[in-house]
Amino acid sequence: MKLRGQRVEDFAACAAMWADPIVTRHFGGKCLNEEEAWSRFLRYVGHWSLLGFGYWVVEEKSTGGFAGEIGFADYKRDMESPLKNAPEIGWVLASNSHGKGYATEAVRAALAWGDRHFEAPQTSCIINPENLPSIRVAQKCGYRELLRTTYKGQPAIVFVRNRAL
């Protein structure tokens, strides 16, 4: 697995991933249409130009195939959280990449980058409590549960991790 910047030619695989109900079940349960997936894709890229961080494509080393996306964002979420200034990590893998260890490997690589580039003392992530595989990845990578809340009417757990110095 390797991380790299998005390319326009990644969009078809990105849109297919976000249209997959297996992938979206823990992201509000709604598959994205092409327009919604394009907005998400542009938002990931836009973070880099405005904030100096964003999302990468997760690529399979052996095939060069699109495996998913991972990165940091500032979504300005309308939710109760004491972590308004903590970069938020997120990850999503195409369903054919589930169960291969890519998420843990990608999160560790992204965190290593974040530890070198962020001044904020913590990063956060928000996970649906039913998404046990992502909760396990977060915990393996040093995240601990901070609080349980709701976001857009759905239950959510906010996790935090202290930056490695």
N, C-alpha and C. Protein backbone atom coordinates (compact mmCIF):
# COMPACT_ATOMS: atom_id res chain seq x y z
N MET A 1 0.84 -1.16 0.00
CA MET A 1 0.00 0.00 0.00
C MET A 1 0.90 1.23 0.00
N LYS A 2 0.50 2.24 -0.79
CA LYS A 2 1.22 3.51 -0.77
C LYS A 2 0.19 4.64 -0.84
N LEU A 3 0.58 5.80 -0.32
CA LEU A 3 -0.27 6.98 -0.35
C LEU A 3 0.27 7.92 -1.42
N ARG A 4 -0.65 8.51 -2.17
CA ARG A 4 -0.26 9.49 -3.18
C ARG A 4 -1.40 10.48 -3.38
N GLY A 5 -1.11 11.59 -4.02
CA GLY A 5 -2.12 12.60 -4.30
C GLY A 5 -3.17 12.11 -5.29
N GLN A 6 -4.36 12.71 -5.21
CA GLN A 6 -5.42 12.37 -6.14
C GLN A 6 -5.10 12.87 -7.54
N ARG A 7 -5.60 12.13 -8.50
CA ARG A 7 -5.53 12.52 -9.91
C ARG A 7 -6.95 12.47 -10.46
N VAL A 8 -7.22 13.26 -11.47
CA VAL A 8 -8.55 13.26 -12.07
C VAL A 8 -8.96 11.84 -12.46
N GLU A 9 -8.02 11.07 -12.96
CA GLU A 9 -8.35 9.70 -13.39
C GLU A 9 -8.72 8.77 -12.22
N ASP A 10 -8.53 9.20 -10.98
CA ASP A 10 -8.97 8.42 -9.82
C ASP A 10 -10.47 8.55 -9.56
N PHE A 11 -11.08 9.55 -10.19
CA PHE A 11 -12.47 9.85 -9.83
C PHE A 11 -13.42 8.69 -10.08
N ALA A 12 -13.30 7.96 -11.16
CA ALA A 12 -14.23 6.86 -11.45
C ALA A 12 -14.19 5.83 -10.32
N ALA A 13 -13.01 5.47 -9.85
CA ALA A 13 -12.90 4.50 -8.75
C ALA A 13 -13.43 5.09 -7.46
N CYS A 14 -13.17 6.38 -7.23
CA CYS A 14 -13.69 7.06 -6.04
C CYS A 14 -15.21 7.06 -6.05
N ALA A 15 -15.80 7.43 -7.18
CA ALA A 15 -17.27 7.48 -7.29
C ALA A 15 -17.86 6.09 -7.09
N ALA A 16 -17.23 5.07 -7.65
CA ALA A 16 -17.72 3.70 -7.48
C ALA A 16 -17.66 3.28 -6.02
N MET A 17 -16.60 3.66 -5.33
CA MET A 17 -16.48 3.32 -3.91
C MET A 17 -17.61 3.96 -3.11
N TRP A 18 -17.87 5.25 -3.34
CA TRP A 18 -18.90 5.96 -2.58
C TRP A 18 -20.32 5.57 -3.00
N ALA A 19 -20.47 4.84 -4.09
CA ALA A 19 -21.78 4.33 -4.51
C ALA A 19 -22.04 2.92 -3.98
N ASP A 20 -21.07 2.36 -3.28
CA ASP A 20 -21.16 0.99 -2.76
C ASP A 20 -21.80 0.98 -1.38
N PRO A 21 -22.96 0.32 -1.22
CA PRO A 21 -23.62 0.30 0.09
C PRO A 21 -22.80 -0.37 1.20
N ILE A 22 -21.89 -1.24 0.84
CA ILE A 22 -21.01 -1.85 1.85
C ILE A 22 -20.11 -0.78 2.45
N VAL A 23 -19.63 0.13 1.62
CA VAL A 23 -18.73 1.20 2.05
C VAL A 23 -19.50 2.26 2.85
N THR A 24 -20.66 2.63 2.37
CA THR A 24 -21.37 3.78 2.95
C THR A 24 -22.23 3.44 4.16
N ARG A 25 -22.35 2.18 4.52
CA ARG A 25 -23.25 1.82 5.63
C ARG A 25 -22.90 2.53 6.94
N HIS A 26 -21.63 2.85 7.16
CA HIS A 26 -21.22 3.54 8.39
C HIS A 26 -21.00 5.03 8.18
N PHE A 27 -21.34 5.53 7.00
CA PHE A 27 -21.23 6.95 6.69
C PHE A 27 -22.63 7.51 6.42
N GLY A 28 -23.53 7.26 7.33
CA GLY A 28 -24.90 7.74 7.17
C GLY A 28 -25.78 6.81 6.37
N GLY A 29 -25.21 5.75 5.81
CA GLY A 29 -25.99 4.74 5.11
C GLY A 29 -26.48 5.14 3.73
N LYS A 30 -26.04 6.30 3.23
CA LYS A 30 -26.52 6.78 1.94
C LYS A 30 -25.40 6.70 0.91
N CYS A 31 -25.65 5.99 -0.17
CA CYS A 31 -24.69 5.97 -1.27
C CYS A 31 -24.66 7.35 -1.92
N LEU A 32 -23.51 7.73 -2.41
CA LEU A 32 -23.37 9.02 -3.08
C LEU A 32 -23.56 8.86 -4.58
N ASN A 33 -24.24 9.83 -5.17
CA ASN A 33 -24.32 9.85 -6.62
C ASN A 33 -23.03 10.50 -7.16
N GLU A 34 -22.91 10.57 -8.46
CA GLU A 34 -21.67 11.08 -9.05
C GLU A 34 -21.40 12.53 -8.65
N GLU A 35 -22.45 13.36 -8.61
CA GLU A 35 -22.28 14.76 -8.23
C GLU A 35 -21.78 14.89 -6.79
N GLU A 36 -22.35 14.12 -5.88
CA GLU A 36 -21.93 14.17 -4.47
C GLU A 36 -20.50 13.64 -4.31
N ALA A 37 -20.18 12.58 -5.04
CA ALA A 37 -18.82 12.04 -4.96
C ALA A 37 -17.81 13.05 -5.52
N TRP A 38 -18.18 13.76 -6.57
CA TRP A 38 -17.29 14.77 -7.16
C TRP A 38 -17.04 15.90 -6.15
N SER A 39 -18.09 16.33 -5.46
CA SER A 39 -17.93 17.39 -4.44
C SER A 39 -16.98 16.93 -3.34
N ARG A 40 -17.11 15.69 -2.92
CA ARG A 40 -16.21 15.14 -1.89
C ARG A 40 -14.78 15.09 -2.42
N PHE A 41 -14.62 14.62 -3.62
CA PHE A 41 -13.31 14.51 -4.25
C PHE A 41 -12.63 15.88 -4.31
N LEU A 42 -13.37 16.90 -4.75
CA LEU A 42 -12.82 18.26 -4.83
C LEU A 42 -12.50 18.82 -3.45
N ARG A 43 -13.33 18.49 -2.47
CA ARG A 43 -13.08 18.97 -1.10
C ARG A 43 -11.77 18.39 -0.58
N TYR A 44 -11.51 17.12 -0.85
CA TYR A 44 -10.25 16.53 -0.41
C TYR A 44 -9.06 17.26 -1.02
N VAL A 45 -9.11 17.50 -2.33
CA VAL A 45 -8.02 18.17 -3.02
C VAL A 45 -7.90 19.62 -2.54
N GLY A 46 -9.03 20.30 -2.34
CA GLY A 46 -9.03 21.69 -1.91
C GLY A 46 -8.37 21.91 -0.57
N HIS A 47 -8.46 20.94 0.31
CA HIS A 47 -7.80 21.07 1.61
C HIS A 47 -6.30 21.33 1.43
N TRP A 48 -5.68 20.63 0.49
CA TRP A 48 -4.24 20.79 0.27
C TRP A 48 -3.90 22.23 -0.11
N SER A 49 -4.67 22.79 -1.02
CA SER A 49 -4.33 24.13 -1.49
C SER A 49 -4.60 25.20 -0.44
N LEU A 50 -5.64 25.04 0.35
CA LEU A 50 -5.98 26.07 1.34
C LEU A 50 -5.31 25.87 2.70
N LEU A 51 -5.15 24.61 3.12
CA LEU A 51 -4.70 24.34 4.49
C LEU A 51 -3.35 23.63 4.58
N GLY A 52 -2.85 23.13 3.48
CA GLY A 52 -1.56 22.43 3.52
C GLY A 52 -1.66 20.99 3.97
N PHE A 53 -2.86 20.47 4.04
CA PHE A 53 -3.09 19.05 4.33
C PHE A 53 -4.39 18.65 3.67
N GLY A 54 -4.61 17.35 3.57
CA GLY A 54 -5.81 16.85 2.92
C GLY A 54 -5.79 15.34 2.87
N TYR A 55 -6.38 14.81 1.83
CA TYR A 55 -6.49 13.36 1.65
C TYR A 55 -5.57 12.87 0.55
N TRP A 56 -5.15 11.62 0.71
CA TRP A 56 -4.38 10.90 -0.29
C TRP A 56 -5.22 9.75 -0.83
N VAL A 57 -4.83 9.25 -1.97
CA VAL A 57 -5.35 7.98 -2.47
C VAL A 57 -4.52 6.87 -1.84
N VAL A 58 -5.20 5.82 -1.41
CA VAL A 58 -4.51 4.60 -0.96
C VAL A 58 -4.42 3.71 -2.19
N GLU A 59 -3.20 3.37 -2.56
CA GLU A 59 -2.96 2.60 -3.78
C GLU A 59 -2.32 1.26 -3.41
N GLU A 60 -2.78 0.20 -4.05
CA GLU A 60 -2.14 -1.10 -3.84
C GLU A 60 -0.78 -1.08 -4.53
N LYS A 61 0.26 -1.45 -3.79
CA LYS A 61 1.61 -1.42 -4.35
C LYS A 61 1.75 -2.37 -5.53
N SER A 62 1.23 -3.58 -5.38
CA SER A 62 1.48 -4.61 -6.40
C SER A 62 0.75 -4.32 -7.71
N THR A 63 -0.45 -3.73 -7.65
CA THR A 63 -1.24 -3.53 -8.86
C THR A 63 -1.35 -2.07 -9.28
N GLY A 64 -1.09 -1.15 -8.35
CA GLY A 64 -1.31 0.26 -8.63
C GLY A 64 -2.78 0.63 -8.58
N GLY A 65 -3.62 -0.31 -8.17
CA GLY A 65 -5.06 -0.08 -8.14
C GLY A 65 -5.50 0.80 -6.98
N PHE A 66 -6.61 1.48 -7.18
CA PHE A 66 -7.23 2.34 -6.18
C PHE A 66 -7.78 1.45 -5.06
N ALA A 67 -7.34 1.69 -3.82
CA ALA A 67 -7.82 0.91 -2.68
C ALA A 67 -8.69 1.74 -1.75
N GLY A 68 -8.58 3.07 -1.82
CA GLY A 68 -9.38 3.92 -0.94
C GLY A 68 -8.76 5.29 -0.79
N GLU A 69 -9.17 5.96 0.30
CA GLU A 69 -8.71 7.33 0.57
C GLU A 69 -8.45 7.49 2.07
N ILE A 70 -7.46 8.29 2.38
CA ILE A 70 -7.15 8.59 3.78
C ILE A 70 -6.55 9.99 3.84
N GLY A 71 -6.78 10.64 4.96
CA GLY A 71 -6.15 11.94 5.12
C GLY A 71 -6.71 12.72 6.29
N PHE A 72 -6.34 13.99 6.32
CA PHE A 72 -6.75 14.90 7.38
C PHE A 72 -7.63 15.99 6.78
N ALA A 73 -8.57 16.47 7.59
CA ALA A 73 -9.47 17.51 7.12
C ALA A 73 -9.87 18.42 8.27
N ASP A 74 -10.39 19.55 7.89
CA ASP A 74 -11.07 20.45 8.81
C ASP A 74 -12.45 20.67 8.20
N TYR A 75 -13.43 19.92 8.66
CA TYR A 75 -14.77 19.97 8.09
C TYR A 75 -15.65 21.04 8.71
N LYS A 76 -15.16 21.73 9.74
CA LYS A 76 -16.00 22.72 10.44
C LYS A 76 -17.35 22.07 10.81
N ARG A 77 -17.27 20.90 11.39
CA ARG A 77 -18.47 20.13 11.71
C ARG A 77 -19.36 20.88 12.70
N ASP A 78 -20.63 20.81 12.44
CA ASP A 78 -21.63 21.39 13.33
C ASP A 78 -22.03 20.32 14.35
N MET A 79 -21.15 20.16 15.32
CA MET A 79 -21.40 19.16 16.37
C MET A 79 -20.69 19.60 17.64
N GLU A 80 -21.16 19.04 18.74
CA GLU A 80 -20.55 19.36 20.02
C GLU A 80 -19.27 18.57 20.16
N SER A 81 -18.15 19.28 20.23
CA SER A 81 -16.86 18.64 20.40
C SER A 81 -15.87 19.68 20.92
N PRO A 82 -15.05 19.30 21.87
CA PRO A 82 -14.04 20.23 22.37
C PRO A 82 -12.81 20.33 21.46
N LEU A 83 -12.84 19.66 20.31
CA LEU A 83 -11.65 19.57 19.47
C LEU A 83 -11.79 20.36 18.18
N LYS A 84 -12.29 21.55 18.25
CA LYS A 84 -12.53 22.33 17.04
C LYS A 84 -11.27 22.57 16.22
N ASN A 85 -10.11 22.62 16.84
CA ASN A 85 -8.88 22.92 16.10
C ASN A 85 -7.98 21.71 15.86
N ALA A 86 -8.44 20.53 16.22
CA ALA A 86 -7.63 19.33 16.01
C ALA A 86 -7.87 18.81 14.60
N PRO A 87 -6.81 18.59 13.81
CA PRO A 87 -7.02 17.98 12.50
C PRO A 87 -7.74 16.64 12.66
N GLU A 88 -8.68 16.39 11.78
CA GLU A 88 -9.48 15.16 11.86
C GLU A 88 -9.02 14.19 10.78
N ILE A 89 -8.58 13.02 11.20
CA ILE A 89 -8.19 11.99 10.24
C ILE A 89 -9.43 11.18 9.87
N GLY A 90 -9.44 10.74 8.64
CA GLY A 90 -10.51 9.86 8.17
C GLY A 90 -9.96 8.90 7.14
N TRP A 91 -10.62 7.78 7.01
CA TRP A 91 -10.19 6.79 6.01
C TRP A 91 -11.40 6.02 5.53
N VAL A 92 -11.32 5.59 4.30
CA VAL A 92 -12.36 4.77 3.69
C VAL A 92 -11.68 3.91 2.63
N LEU A 93 -12.06 2.64 2.63
CA LEU A 93 -11.48 1.72 1.66
C LEU A 93 -12.58 1.13 0.79
N ALA A 94 -12.25 0.90 -0.48
CA ALA A 94 -13.16 0.20 -1.37
C ALA A 94 -13.42 -1.19 -0.78
N SER A 95 -14.62 -1.71 -0.98
CA SER A 95 -14.98 -2.97 -0.33
C SER A 95 -14.06 -4.12 -0.72
N ASN A 96 -13.48 -4.10 -1.93
CA ASN A 96 -12.56 -5.19 -2.29
C ASN A 96 -11.20 -5.06 -1.60
N SER A 97 -11.00 -3.99 -0.83
CA SER A 97 -9.76 -3.81 -0.07
C SER A 97 -9.95 -4.03 1.42
N HIS A 98 -11.16 -4.35 1.84
CA HIS A 98 -11.42 -4.59 3.27
C HIS A 98 -10.72 -5.86 3.73
N GLY A 99 -10.28 -5.85 4.99
CA GLY A 99 -9.72 -7.04 5.61
C GLY A 99 -8.30 -7.39 5.20
N LYS A 100 -7.60 -6.49 4.54
CA LYS A 100 -6.24 -6.77 4.08
C LYS A 100 -5.18 -6.03 4.88
N GLY A 101 -5.59 -5.30 5.92
CA GLY A 101 -4.64 -4.56 6.73
C GLY A 101 -4.26 -3.20 6.17
N TYR A 102 -4.86 -2.81 5.04
CA TYR A 102 -4.52 -1.53 4.42
C TYR A 102 -4.88 -0.35 5.31
N ALA A 103 -6.00 -0.43 6.00
CA ALA A 103 -6.44 0.71 6.83
C ALA A 103 -5.41 1.01 7.91
N THR A 104 -4.99 0.00 8.65
CA THR A 104 -4.01 0.22 9.72
C THR A 104 -2.70 0.75 9.15
N GLU A 105 -2.25 0.17 8.07
CA GLU A 105 -1.00 0.62 7.46
C GLU A 105 -1.12 2.07 6.97
N ALA A 106 -2.25 2.40 6.35
CA ALA A 106 -2.46 3.75 5.83
C ALA A 106 -2.59 4.77 6.97
N VAL A 107 -3.33 4.41 8.02
CA VAL A 107 -3.48 5.33 9.15
C VAL A 107 -2.12 5.59 9.80
N ARG A 108 -1.34 4.56 9.98
CA ARG A 108 0.00 4.76 10.57
C ARG A 108 0.87 5.67 9.70
N ALA A 109 0.80 5.49 8.39
CA ALA A 109 1.59 6.34 7.49
C ALA A 109 1.09 7.79 7.55
N ALA A 110 -0.21 7.99 7.54
CA ALA A 110 -0.76 9.34 7.61
C ALA A 110 -0.41 10.01 8.94
N LEU A 111 -0.49 9.25 10.02
CA LEU A 111 -0.15 9.81 11.34
C LEU A 111 1.32 10.20 11.42
N ALA A 112 2.19 9.40 10.83
CA ALA A 112 3.61 9.75 10.82
C ALA A 112 3.80 11.08 10.09
N TRP A 113 3.09 11.27 8.98
CA TRP A 113 3.15 12.54 8.27
C TRP A 113 2.61 13.66 9.16
N GLY A 114 1.45 13.43 9.78
CA GLY A 114 0.83 14.45 10.64
C GLY A 114 1.70 14.83 11.82
N ASP A 115 2.35 13.86 12.42
CA ASP A 115 3.22 14.14 13.57
C ASP A 115 4.38 15.06 13.17
N ARG A 116 4.82 14.98 11.92
CA ARG A 116 5.90 15.84 11.44
C ARG A 116 5.40 17.22 11.00
N HIS A 117 4.14 17.35 10.62
CA HIS A 117 3.66 18.58 10.00
C HIS A 117 2.69 19.42 10.83
N PHE A 118 2.01 18.82 11.78
CA PHE A 118 1.02 19.59 12.55
C PHE A 118 1.63 20.14 13.82
N GLU A 119 1.18 21.33 14.20
CA GLU A 119 1.56 21.91 15.49
C GLU A 119 0.54 21.56 16.56
N ALA A 120 -0.69 21.25 16.15
CA ALA A 120 -1.74 20.91 17.11
C ALA A 120 -1.29 19.71 17.95
N PRO A 121 -1.58 19.72 19.25
CA PRO A 121 -1.13 18.64 20.11
C PRO A 121 -1.88 17.33 19.90
N GLN A 122 -3.05 17.39 19.25
CA GLN A 122 -3.85 16.19 19.06
C GLN A 122 -4.46 16.16 17.67
N THR A 123 -4.77 14.95 17.23
CA THR A 123 -5.64 14.75 16.07
C THR A 123 -6.86 14.00 16.58
N SER A 124 -7.93 14.06 15.79
CA SER A 124 -9.17 13.40 16.19
C SER A 124 -9.69 12.55 15.05
N CYS A 125 -10.65 11.70 15.37
CA CYS A 125 -11.41 11.00 14.35
C CYS A 125 -12.80 10.74 14.91
N ILE A 126 -13.75 10.64 14.04
CA ILE A 126 -15.15 10.43 14.42
C ILE A 126 -15.61 9.16 13.72
N ILE A 127 -16.10 8.20 14.52
CA ILE A 127 -16.45 6.89 13.99
C ILE A 127 -17.84 6.50 14.49
N ASN A 128 -18.62 5.94 13.59
CA ASN A 128 -19.92 5.37 13.95
C ASN A 128 -19.67 4.21 14.90
N PRO A 129 -20.41 4.13 16.04
CA PRO A 129 -20.15 3.06 17.02
C PRO A 129 -20.35 1.64 16.47
N GLU A 130 -21.06 1.50 15.36
CA GLU A 130 -21.24 0.18 14.76
C GLU A 130 -20.09 -0.23 13.85
N ASN A 131 -19.19 0.71 13.58
CA ASN A 131 -18.08 0.44 12.68
C ASN A 131 -16.90 -0.13 13.47
N LEU A 132 -17.06 -1.36 13.91
CA LEU A 132 -16.05 -1.99 14.76
C LEU A 132 -14.68 -2.12 14.10
N PRO A 133 -14.60 -2.44 12.80
CA PRO A 133 -13.26 -2.51 12.20
C PRO A 133 -12.51 -1.17 12.28
N SER A 134 -13.19 -0.05 12.03
CA SER A 134 -12.52 1.25 12.11
C SER A 134 -12.17 1.61 13.55
N ILE A 135 -13.01 1.23 14.49
CA ILE A 135 -12.70 1.48 15.90
C ILE A 135 -11.42 0.73 16.28
N ARG A 136 -11.31 -0.52 15.82
CA ARG A 136 -10.09 -1.30 16.11
C ARG A 136 -8.86 -0.66 15.49
N VAL A 137 -8.98 -0.18 14.25
CA VAL A 137 -7.86 0.50 13.60
C VAL A 137 -7.45 1.72 14.40
N ALA A 138 -8.44 2.53 14.78
CA ALA A 138 -8.14 3.75 15.55
C ALA A 138 -7.41 3.41 16.85
N GLN A 139 -7.89 2.41 17.56
CA GLN A 139 -7.27 2.03 18.83
C GLN A 139 -5.86 1.48 18.62
N LYS A 140 -5.66 0.68 17.57
CA LYS A 140 -4.32 0.15 17.28
C LYS A 140 -3.33 1.28 16.98
N CYS A 141 -3.86 2.38 16.46
CA CYS A 141 -3.01 3.50 16.06
C CYS A 141 -2.93 4.59 17.13
N GLY A 142 -3.37 4.29 18.35
CA GLY A 142 -3.16 5.19 19.47
C GLY A 142 -4.32 6.11 19.81
N TYR A 143 -5.46 5.96 19.16
CA TYR A 143 -6.62 6.79 19.49
C TYR A 143 -7.36 6.21 20.69
N ARG A 144 -7.90 7.13 21.50
CA ARG A 144 -8.70 6.72 22.66
C ARG A 144 -10.03 7.47 22.59
N GLU A 145 -11.06 6.83 23.11
CA GLU A 145 -12.38 7.44 23.08
C GLU A 145 -12.43 8.66 23.99
N LEU A 146 -12.92 9.77 23.44
CA LEU A 146 -13.08 10.99 24.22
C LEU A 146 -14.54 11.18 24.63
N LEU A 147 -15.46 11.03 23.67
CA LEU A 147 -16.87 11.22 24.00
C LEU A 147 -17.76 10.57 22.96
N ARG A 148 -18.99 10.31 23.40
CA ARG A 148 -20.03 9.82 22.50
C ARG A 148 -21.01 10.95 22.29
N THR A 149 -21.39 11.13 21.03
CA THR A 149 -22.25 12.25 20.67
C THR A 149 -23.10 11.83 19.48
N THR A 150 -23.71 12.79 18.83
CA THR A 150 -24.41 12.54 17.58
C THR A 150 -23.91 13.53 16.54
N TYR A 151 -23.97 13.11 15.31
CA TYR A 151 -23.63 13.98 14.19
C TYR A 151 -24.64 13.71 13.09
N LYS A 152 -25.33 14.76 12.68
CA LYS A 152 -26.39 14.65 11.67
C LYS A 152 -27.40 13.56 12.04
N GLY A 153 -27.75 13.53 13.33
CA GLY A 153 -28.75 12.59 13.81
C GLY A 153 -28.28 11.16 13.99
N GLN A 154 -27.02 10.90 13.76
CA GLN A 154 -26.46 9.55 13.89
C GLN A 154 -25.50 9.49 15.07
N PRO A 155 -25.46 8.37 15.78
CA PRO A 155 -24.50 8.25 16.88
C PRO A 155 -23.06 8.30 16.37
N ALA A 156 -22.19 8.89 17.17
CA ALA A 156 -20.79 9.03 16.77
C ALA A 156 -19.91 8.97 18.01
N ILE A 157 -18.73 8.44 17.83
CA ILE A 157 -17.71 8.44 18.89
C ILE A 157 -16.57 9.32 18.42
N VAL A 158 -16.17 10.26 19.26
CA VAL A 158 -15.02 11.11 18.96
C VAL A 158 -13.80 10.48 19.67
N PHE A 159 -12.77 10.23 18.89
CA PHE A 159 -11.51 9.68 19.39
C PHE A 159 -10.44 10.76 19.26
N VAL A 160 -9.45 10.70 20.15
CA VAL A 160 -8.32 11.61 20.08
C VAL A 160 -7.00 10.82 20.21
N ARG A 161 -5.96 11.42 19.67
CA ARG A 161 -4.61 10.85 19.78
C ARG A 161 -3.65 12.00 19.96
N ASN A 162 -2.77 11.87 20.92
CA ASN A 162 -1.74 12.89 21.13
C ASN A 162 -0.67 12.74 20.07
N ARG A 163 -0.21 13.86 19.58
CA ARG A 163 0.84 13.88 18.57
C ARG A 163 2.13 13.30 19.16
N ALA A 164 2.78 12.46 18.39
CA ALA A 164 4.10 11.94 18.81
C ALA A 164 5.11 13.06 18.64
N LEU A 165 5.94 13.24 19.65
CA LEU A 165 6.94 14.32 19.59
C LEU A 165 8.28 13.82 19.17
